[in-house]
Amino acid sequence: MLNAITHSQIFVLDQDEALDFYVGKLGLEVNTDADLGFMRWLTVNVPGDPTRQILLEKPGSPAMDAATAEQVRELVSKGATGGTLFFTTDDAHKTYETLKSRGVELTEEPTQRPYGIDFGLRDPFGNHVRIAQPAPQPE
């Protein structure tokens, strides 16, 4: 049966702006940037882990007609499409401060939780991002 998740997808309104954010600010790396003719296939991944990619997809054809794409763009800008990414880090406080210095829109400060320390941010399009420093696992 299934043995891996290779791609996840979020909608972005501008793929060049998405690259600036996800690569320039969050520190991900470009995996694939290909013009397929009918769409731009743009994926990023955590450095050193190309097996799990995020497709930064612009709403439109071939997946949807123009009217639907406009509705999706409106929902994305409101943060209402359910697009959420979860990342981990070794140091939530340091990562938070680094992203703050880069001008990232942070929505929640690092907070201690039962599973570790995490915080939230939004990408330029309204998608939610969570970054967590997992709690040490008992041996």
Protein backbone atom coordinates (compact mmCIF):
# COMPACT_ATOMS: atom_id res chain seq x y z
CA MET A 1 0.00 0.00 0.00
CA LEU A 2 1.12 3.59 0.59
CA ASN A 3 4.60 4.25 1.92
CA ALA A 4 5.34 7.99 1.68
CA ILE A 5 3.94 11.46 1.14
CA THR A 6 6.00 13.08 -1.60
CA HIS A 7 4.08 16.28 -2.37
CA SER A 8 1.79 18.63 -0.52
CA GLN A 9 0.15 21.64 -2.13
CA ILE A 10 -0.84 25.14 -1.09
CA PHE A 11 -2.31 27.91 -3.18
CA VAL A 12 -0.31 31.10 -3.65
CA LEU A 13 -1.34 34.18 -5.59
CA ASP A 14 2.09 35.00 -7.04
CA GLN A 15 4.71 32.29 -7.51
CA ASP A 16 7.67 34.69 -7.64
CA GLU A 17 6.54 36.28 -4.36
CA ALA A 18 6.08 32.77 -2.95
CA LEU A 19 9.67 31.93 -3.89
CA ASP A 20 10.91 35.07 -2.17
CA PHE A 21 9.01 34.10 0.98
CA TYR A 22 9.55 30.34 1.16
CA VAL A 23 13.15 30.37 -0.08
CA GLY A 24 14.34 33.87 0.82
CA LYS A 25 12.72 34.18 4.25
CA LEU A 26 11.95 30.68 5.49
CA GLY A 27 15.11 29.15 4.02
CA LEU A 28 13.58 26.35 1.94
CA GLU A 29 15.17 25.40 -1.36
CA VAL A 30 13.73 25.17 -4.86
CA ASN A 31 13.24 21.57 -5.93
CA THR A 32 11.52 22.03 -9.29
CA ASP A 33 10.67 25.13 -11.32
CA ALA A 34 9.28 23.99 -14.66
CA ASP A 35 7.08 25.64 -17.25
CA LEU A 36 4.66 22.91 -18.29
CA GLY A 37 2.97 25.19 -20.81
CA PHE A 38 -0.41 25.05 -19.10
CA MET A 39 1.04 25.88 -15.65
CA ARG A 40 4.25 26.51 -13.75
CA TRP A 41 5.20 23.50 -11.60
CA LEU A 42 7.02 25.10 -8.66
CA THR A 43 8.05 23.00 -5.67
CA VAL A 44 10.22 23.72 -2.65
CA ASN A 45 11.54 21.51 0.13
CA VAL A 46 13.40 21.69 3.41
CA PRO A 47 17.13 21.80 2.60
CA GLY A 48 18.53 18.31 2.34
CA ASP A 49 15.11 16.62 2.18
CA PRO A 50 13.96 16.53 -1.47
CA THR A 51 11.68 13.56 -0.83
CA ARG A 52 8.93 15.81 0.59
CA GLN A 53 8.01 18.73 -1.66
CA ILE A 54 5.50 21.57 -1.36
CA LEU A 55 3.80 22.60 -4.61
CA LEU A 56 3.28 26.38 -4.64
CA GLU A 57 0.29 26.40 -6.97
CA LYS A 58 -1.37 29.43 -8.49
CA PRO A 59 -5.16 28.93 -8.70
CA GLY A 60 -6.26 28.46 -12.30
CA SER A 61 -6.27 26.06 -15.20
CA PRO A 62 -6.02 23.22 -15.74
CA ALA A 63 -7.45 22.41 -12.30
CA MET A 64 -10.22 25.03 -12.32
CA ASP A 65 -12.08 27.45 -14.54
CA ALA A 66 -11.61 31.24 -14.32
CA ALA A 67 -14.62 31.84 -12.04
CA THR A 68 -13.57 29.14 -9.59
CA ALA A 69 -9.96 30.39 -9.63
CA GLU A 70 -11.19 33.88 -8.67
CA GLN A 71 -13.18 32.44 -5.76
CA VAL A 72 -10.15 30.45 -4.59
CA ARG A 73 -7.92 33.56 -4.81
CA GLU A 74 -10.41 35.43 -2.61
CA LEU A 75 -10.48 32.61 -0.05
CA VAL A 76 -6.67 32.33 -0.05
CA SER A 77 -6.30 36.04 0.72
CA LYS A 78 -8.64 35.62 3.70
CA GLY A 79 -6.67 32.64 5.02
CA ALA A 80 -9.76 30.50 4.55
CA THR A 81 -8.58 27.73 2.22
CA GLY A 82 -7.22 25.55 4.99
CA GLY A 83 -3.69 25.76 3.62
CA THR A 84 -1.43 25.01 6.59
CA LEU A 85 2.17 23.88 6.69
CA PHE A 86 3.92 22.43 9.74
CA PHE A 87 7.71 22.51 10.16
CA THR A 88 10.06 21.58 12.99
CA THR A 89 13.15 23.36 14.27
CA ASP A 90 15.81 22.69 16.87
CA ASP A 91 15.34 26.12 18.51
CA ALA A 92 11.90 27.76 18.28
CA HIS A 93 12.96 31.00 20.00
CA LYS A 94 15.97 31.53 17.73
CA THR A 95 13.97 30.67 14.61
CA TYR A 96 11.22 33.08 15.70
CA GLU A 97 13.73 35.92 16.15
CA THR A 98 15.39 35.18 12.81
CA LEU A 99 12.05 35.24 10.97
CA LYS A 100 11.02 38.40 12.83
CA SER A 101 14.22 40.13 11.67
CA ARG A 102 13.39 39.07 8.08
CA GLY A 103 10.00 40.79 8.24
CA VAL A 104 7.84 37.66 8.38
CA GLU A 105 4.26 38.20 9.63
CA LEU A 106 4.30 36.30 12.93
CA THR A 107 0.88 35.53 14.36
CA GLU A 108 1.87 33.92 17.65
CA GLU A 109 4.98 34.00 19.83
CA PRO A 110 6.76 30.79 20.85
CA THR A 111 4.55 29.04 23.40
CA GLN A 112 5.22 25.99 25.55
CA ARG A 113 2.78 23.20 24.72
CA PRO A 114 2.54 19.55 25.82
CA TYR A 115 4.33 18.48 22.61
CA GLY A 116 7.03 21.18 22.68
CA ILE A 117 7.37 24.87 21.84
CA ASP A 118 5.67 26.26 18.76
CA PHE A 119 4.65 29.50 17.10
CA GLY A 120 2.63 30.64 14.11
CA LEU A 121 3.00 32.84 11.07
CA ARG A 122 1.24 33.64 7.81
CA ASP A 123 2.69 33.63 4.34
CA PRO A 124 2.02 36.68 2.12
CA PHE A 125 -1.13 35.02 0.77
CA GLY A 126 -2.90 34.06 4.00
CA ASN A 127 -1.71 30.47 4.38
CA HIS A 128 -0.94 29.45 7.95
CA VAL A 129 2.45 28.08 8.97
CA ARG A 130 3.34 26.47 12.32
CA ILE A 131 6.90 25.89 13.45
CA ALA A 132 7.55 23.60 16.41
CA GLN A 133 10.49 22.58 18.54
CA PRO A 134 9.38 19.10 19.61
CA ALA A 135 9.75 18.17 23.26
CA PRO A 136 12.51 15.68 23.98
CA GLN A 137 11.23 12.12 23.94
CA PRO A 138 11.79 10.07 27.11
CA GLU A 139 14.32 7.30 26.70
